[in-house]
Amino acid sequence: LNRYSDALEQYNYTLGLDHTFLPAVEGKGWTYVVMDKLKKAHRAFDEYQNLVKREQKNIPHLIYVAARLGMSDVANHFLEVMQLGDAHDSYMPSPLDIAMAFLGMKKYDEVFFHLKRAADDKIGKLYVILWDPVWDEIKQDSRYEDLLKQLKLSETSQIPLTVPAD
């Protein structure tokens, strides 16, 4: 659909009503990612992090963007923090969260390892890889087709998105 400027307009409108509405802050960040405006995405994810005041909650997003900005030391540090976790934190990263972090780092063997774990664990959120453009870069890899077969899907079984006629 590629209506990213419309999406940003809506997120900004929503944030004008309530600057703490986390889904809008997160959506704005991911919209910037797919627009390849990574510094703006990083700022949005930092804002999200400041709102939740917990290092763990938004960490896959921060790892993804830090890695894409060439901040590998920062990305590796937060990957370690995410994988070690915090005994006092209720947030447990899913295999999909970990795959997202490795996607940002372009470590595709790790991406597919964790996507397979998500499939084995029957994590419904895994289906986001079918339509979210952030995951497009792995779709040419033969392991992607293998994953779809494991999920009993095909590339043609994507979630249909329709846009109402104007």
C-alpha atoms as a PDB file:
ATOM      1  CA  LEU A   1       0.000   0.000   0.000  1.00  0.00           C
ATOM      2  CA  ASN A   2       2.988   2.298   0.685  1.00  0.00           C
ATOM      3  CA  ARG A   3       0.945   5.083   2.273  1.00  0.00           C
ATOM      4  CA  TYR A   4       3.617   5.810   4.843  1.00  0.00           C
ATOM      5  CA  SER A   5       3.172   9.579   4.845  1.00  0.00           C
ATOM      6  CA  ASP A   6      -0.545   9.044   5.559  1.00  0.00           C
ATOM      7  CA  ALA A   7       0.380   6.698   8.396  1.00  0.00           C
ATOM      8  CA  LEU A   8       2.768   9.264   9.876  1.00  0.00           C
ATOM      9  CA  GLU A   9       0.080  11.914   9.651  1.00  0.00           C
ATOM     10  CA  GLN A  10      -2.311   9.677  11.586  1.00  0.00           C
ATOM     11  CA  TYR A  11       0.296   8.774  14.201  1.00  0.00           C
ATOM     12  CA  ASN A  12       1.171  12.437  14.692  1.00  0.00           C
ATOM     13  CA  TYR A  13      -2.517  13.335  15.002  1.00  0.00           C
ATOM     14  CA  THR A  14      -3.013  10.609  17.600  1.00  0.00           C
ATOM     15  CA  LEU A  15       0.095  11.662  19.502  1.00  0.00           C
ATOM     16  CA  GLY A  16      -1.188  15.232  19.464  1.00  0.00           C
ATOM     17  CA  LEU A  17      -4.189  13.951  21.399  1.00  0.00           C
ATOM     18  CA  ASP A  18      -2.150  11.749  23.724  1.00  0.00           C
ATOM     19  CA  HIS A  19       1.642  11.852  23.464  1.00  0.00           C
ATOM     20  CA  THR A  20       1.907   8.735  25.661  1.00  0.00           C
ATOM     21  CA  PHE A  21      -0.161   6.421  23.429  1.00  0.00           C
ATOM     22  CA  LEU A  22       2.428   3.656  22.974  1.00  0.00           C
ATOM     23  CA  PRO A  23       0.969   1.932  19.883  1.00  0.00           C
ATOM     24  CA  ALA A  24       1.216   5.243  17.980  1.00  0.00           C
ATOM     25  CA  VAL A  25       4.802   5.859  19.138  1.00  0.00           C
ATOM     26  CA  GLU A  26       5.776   2.317  18.116  1.00  0.00           C
ATOM     27  CA  GLY A  27       3.903   2.507  14.806  1.00  0.00           C
ATOM     28  CA  LYS A  28       5.586   5.792  14.002  1.00  0.00           C
ATOM     29  CA  GLY A  29       8.975   4.194  14.652  1.00  0.00           C
ATOM     30  CA  TRP A  30       8.299   1.227  12.383  1.00  0.00           C
ATOM     31  CA  THR A  31       6.924   3.491   9.686  1.00  0.00           C
ATOM     32  CA  TYR A  32      10.207   5.382   9.730  1.00  0.00           C
ATOM     33  CA  VAL A  33      12.065   2.056   9.482  1.00  0.00           C
ATOM     34  CA  VAL A  34      10.260   1.014   6.296  1.00  0.00           C
ATOM     35  CA  MET A  35      10.808   4.524   4.920  1.00  0.00           C
ATOM     36  CA  ASP A  36      14.547   4.024   5.645  1.00  0.00           C
ATOM     37  CA  LYS A  37      14.596   7.018   7.991  1.00  0.00           C
ATOM     38  CA  LEU A  38      16.470   5.151  10.678  1.00  0.00           C
ATOM     39  CA  LYS A  39      17.556   8.104  12.817  1.00  0.00           C
ATOM     40  CA  LYS A  40      13.935   9.199  13.136  1.00  0.00           C
ATOM     41  CA  ALA A  41      12.978   5.598  13.932  1.00  0.00           C
ATOM     42  CA  HIS A  42      15.652   5.506  16.618  1.00  0.00           C
ATOM     43  CA  ARG A  43      14.268   8.698  18.174  1.00  0.00           C
ATOM     44  CA  ALA A  44      10.738   7.268  18.164  1.00  0.00           C
ATOM     45  CA  PHE A  45      11.880   4.034  19.810  1.00  0.00           C
ATOM     46  CA  ASP A  46      13.894   6.007  22.379  1.00  0.00           C
ATOM     47  CA  GLU A  47      10.739   8.003  23.117  1.00  0.00           C
ATOM     48  CA  TYR A  48       8.839   4.735  23.560  1.00  0.00           C
ATOM     49  CA  GLN A  49      11.549   3.483  25.898  1.00  0.00           C
ATOM     50  CA  ASN A  50      11.373   6.649  27.988  1.00  0.00           C
ATOM     51  CA  LEU A  51       7.599   6.289  28.277  1.00  0.00           C
ATOM     52  CA  VAL A  52       7.704   2.716  29.547  1.00  0.00           C
ATOM     53  CA  LYS A  53      10.780   3.388  31.708  1.00  0.00           C
ATOM     54  CA  ARG A  54      11.852  -0.219  31.390  1.00  0.00           C
ATOM     55  CA  GLU A  55      14.888  -1.221  29.375  1.00  0.00           C
ATOM     56  CA  GLN A  56      13.493  -4.592  28.336  1.00  0.00           C
ATOM     57  CA  LYS A  57      10.112  -3.677  26.872  1.00  0.00           C
ATOM     58  CA  ASN A  58      11.148  -2.208  23.520  1.00  0.00           C
ATOM     59  CA  ILE A  59      14.575  -3.709  23.180  1.00  0.00           C
ATOM     60  CA  PRO A  60      14.138  -5.708  19.897  1.00  0.00           C
ATOM     61  CA  HIS A  61      13.186  -2.458  18.145  1.00  0.00           C
ATOM     62  CA  LEU A  62      16.219  -0.642  19.518  1.00  0.00           C
ATOM     63  CA  ILE A  63      18.569  -3.492  18.571  1.00  0.00           C
ATOM     64  CA  TYR A  64      17.170  -3.572  15.036  1.00  0.00           C
ATOM     65  CA  VAL A  65      17.612   0.154  14.480  1.00  0.00           C
ATOM     66  CA  ALA A  66      20.975   0.418  16.251  1.00  0.00           C
ATOM     67  CA  ALA A  67      22.350  -2.394  14.080  1.00  0.00           C
ATOM     68  CA  ARG A  68      21.020  -0.788  10.902  1.00  0.00           C
ATOM     69  CA  LEU A  69      22.611   2.526  11.924  1.00  0.00           C
ATOM     70  CA  GLY A  70      25.972   0.778  12.278  1.00  0.00           C
ATOM     71  CA  MET A  71      25.961   0.975  16.078  1.00  0.00           C
ATOM     72  CA  SER A  72      27.016  -2.662  16.478  1.00  0.00           C
ATOM     73  CA  ASP A  73      28.414  -2.247  20.014  1.00  0.00           C
ATOM     74  CA  VAL A  74      25.083  -0.835  21.184  1.00  0.00           C
ATOM     75  CA  ALA A  75      23.119  -3.531  19.331  1.00  0.00           C
ATOM     76  CA  ASN A  76      25.279  -6.325  20.799  1.00  0.00           C
ATOM     77  CA  HIS A  77      24.990  -4.879  24.307  1.00  0.00           C
ATOM     78  CA  PHE A  78      21.197  -4.736  24.163  1.00  0.00           C
ATOM     79  CA  LEU A  79      21.000  -8.180  22.563  1.00  0.00           C
ATOM     80  CA  GLU A  80      22.900  -9.546  25.554  1.00  0.00           C
ATOM     81  CA  VAL A  81      20.624  -7.647  27.958  1.00  0.00           C
ATOM     82  CA  MET A  82      17.553  -8.992  26.154  1.00  0.00           C
ATOM     83  CA  GLN A  83      18.752 -12.588  26.164  1.00  0.00           C
ATOM     84  CA  LEU A  84      19.851 -12.521  29.808  1.00  0.00           C
ATOM     85  CA  GLY A  85      16.654 -10.849  30.945  1.00  0.00           C
ATOM     86  CA  ASP A  86      15.938  -9.423  34.350  1.00  0.00           C
ATOM     87  CA  ALA A  87      14.616 -11.476  37.242  1.00  0.00           C
ATOM     88  CA  HIS A  88      12.444  -8.527  38.321  1.00  0.00           C
ATOM     89  CA  ASP A  89      10.922  -7.934  34.894  1.00  0.00           C
ATOM     90  CA  SER A  90       7.838  -9.732  33.628  1.00  0.00           C
ATOM     91  CA  TYR A  91       8.830  -9.157  29.983  1.00  0.00           C
ATOM     92  CA  MET A  92      10.169 -12.276  28.328  1.00  0.00           C
ATOM     93  CA  PRO A  93      11.277 -11.855  24.727  1.00  0.00           C
ATOM     94  CA  SER A  94       9.609 -14.243  22.331  1.00  0.00           C
ATOM     95  CA  PRO A  95      11.580 -16.082  19.648  1.00  0.00           C
ATOM     96  CA  LEU A  96      10.056 -13.577  17.200  1.00  0.00           C
ATOM     97  CA  ASP A  97      11.506 -10.682  19.240  1.00  0.00           C
ATOM     98  CA  ILE A  98      14.923 -12.318  19.149  1.00  0.00           C
ATOM     99  CA  ALA A  99      14.590 -12.981  15.396  1.00  0.00           C
ATOM    100  CA  MET A 100      13.743  -9.283  14.914  1.00  0.00           C
ATOM    101  CA  ALA A 101      16.940  -8.270  16.698  1.00  0.00           C
ATOM    102  CA  PHE A 102      19.031 -10.597  14.539  1.00  0.00           C
ATOM    103  CA  LEU A 103      17.232  -9.340  11.424  1.00  0.00           C
ATOM    104  CA  GLY A 104      18.495  -5.861  12.205  1.00  0.00           C
ATOM    105  CA  MET A 105      21.998  -7.282  12.564  1.00  0.00           C
ATOM    106  CA  LYS A 106      21.594  -9.175   9.262  1.00  0.00           C
ATOM    107  CA  LYS A 107      22.470 -12.457  10.982  1.00  0.00           C
ATOM    108  CA  TYR A 108      20.115 -14.552   8.910  1.00  0.00           C
ATOM    109  CA  ASP A 109      21.079 -17.981  10.290  1.00  0.00           C
ATOM    110  CA  GLU A 110      20.022 -16.738  13.721  1.00  0.00           C
ATOM    111  CA  VAL A 111      16.891 -15.111  12.266  1.00  0.00           C
ATOM    112  CA  PHE A 112      15.690 -18.402  10.804  1.00  0.00           C
ATOM    113  CA  PHE A 113      16.687 -20.382  13.889  1.00  0.00           C
ATOM    114  CA  HIS A 114      14.447 -18.178  16.046  1.00  0.00           C
ATOM    115  CA  LEU A 115      11.624 -18.014  13.483  1.00  0.00           C
ATOM    116  CA  LYS A 116      11.596 -21.817  13.479  1.00  0.00           C
ATOM    117  CA  ARG A 117      11.424 -21.747  17.290  1.00  0.00           C
ATOM    118  CA  ALA A 118       8.453 -19.364  17.026  1.00  0.00           C
ATOM    119  CA  ALA A 119       6.768 -21.765  14.587  1.00  0.00           C
ATOM    120  CA  ASP A 120       7.502 -24.761  16.830  1.00  0.00           C
ATOM    121  CA  ASP A 121       6.068 -22.872  19.808  1.00  0.00           C
ATOM    122  CA  LYS A 122       3.013 -21.935  17.722  1.00  0.00           C
ATOM    123  CA  ILE A 123       3.438 -18.229  18.380  1.00  0.00           C
ATOM    124  CA  GLY A 124       0.606 -16.605  16.444  1.00  0.00           C
ATOM    125  CA  LYS A 125       2.450 -13.302  16.210  1.00  0.00           C
ATOM    126  CA  LEU A 126       4.813 -15.075  13.778  1.00  0.00           C
ATOM    127  CA  TYR A 127       2.358 -14.423  10.934  1.00  0.00           C
ATOM    128  CA  VAL A 128       3.456 -10.789  10.920  1.00  0.00           C
ATOM    129  CA  ILE A 129       6.349 -11.843   8.662  1.00  0.00           C
ATOM    130  CA  LEU A 130       3.837 -12.418   5.854  1.00  0.00           C
ATOM    131  CA  TRP A 131       2.791  -8.772   5.549  1.00  0.00           C
ATOM    132  CA  ASP A 132       5.202  -6.564   7.499  1.00  0.00           C
ATOM    133  CA  PRO A 133       7.657  -4.987   5.015  1.00  0.00           C
ATOM    134  CA  VAL A 134      10.446  -5.098   7.610  1.00  0.00           C
ATOM    135  CA  TRP A 135      10.661  -8.841   6.946  1.00  0.00           C
ATOM    136  CA  ASP A 136      10.735  -8.569   3.123  1.00  0.00           C
ATOM    137  CA  GLU A 137      14.505  -9.007   2.925  1.00  0.00           C
ATOM    138  CA  ILE A 138      14.297 -12.660   4.041  1.00  0.00           C
ATOM    139  CA  LYS A 139      11.617 -13.685   1.560  1.00  0.00           C
ATOM    140  CA  GLN A 140      14.126 -14.615  -1.152  1.00  0.00           C
ATOM    141  CA  ASP A 141      15.884 -17.069   1.165  1.00  0.00           C
ATOM    142  CA  SER A 142      14.900 -20.718   0.642  1.00  0.00           C
ATOM    143  CA  ARG A 143      14.491 -21.072   4.409  1.00  0.00           C
ATOM    144  CA  TYR A 144      11.563 -18.660   4.200  1.00  0.00           C
ATOM    145  CA  GLU A 145       9.703 -21.048   1.890  1.00  0.00           C
ATOM    146  CA  ASP A 146      10.572 -23.919   4.241  1.00  0.00           C
ATOM    147  CA  LEU A 147       9.105 -21.930   7.125  1.00  0.00           C
ATOM    148  CA  LEU A 148       5.896 -21.269   5.168  1.00  0.00           C
ATOM    149  CA  LYS A 149       5.614 -24.995   4.464  1.00  0.00           C
ATOM    150  CA  GLN A 150       6.039 -25.736   8.167  1.00  0.00           C
ATOM    151  CA  LEU A 151       3.223 -23.269   8.863  1.00  0.00           C
ATOM    152  CA  LYS A 152       1.176 -24.880   6.061  1.00  0.00           C
ATOM    153  CA  LEU A 153       1.100 -21.593   4.175  1.00  0.00           C
ATOM    154  CA  SER A 154       2.301 -20.292   0.863  1.00  0.00           C
ATOM    155  CA  GLU A 155       3.325 -16.819  -0.202  1.00  0.00           C
ATOM    156  CA  THR A 156      -0.053 -16.541  -1.938  1.00  0.00           C
ATOM    157  CA  SER A 157      -1.880 -17.089   1.340  1.00  0.00           C
ATOM    158  CA  GLN A 158      -0.922 -13.675   2.630  1.00  0.00           C
ATOM    159  CA  ILE A 159      -3.511 -11.759   4.561  1.00  0.00           C
ATOM    160  CA  PRO A 160      -5.512  -9.829   1.960  1.00  0.00           C
ATOM    161  CA  LEU A 161      -5.406  -6.113   2.544  1.00  0.00           C
ATOM    162  CA  THR A 162      -8.095  -4.091   0.851  1.00  0.00           C
ATOM    163  CA  VAL A 163      -8.333  -0.365   0.610  1.00  0.00           C
ATOM    164  CA  PRO A 164     -11.792   1.137   0.408  1.00  0.00           C
ATOM    165  CA  ALA A 165     -12.473   2.994  -2.809  1.00  0.00           C
ATOM    166  CA  ASP A 166     -12.280   6.768  -2.474  1.00  0.00           C
END
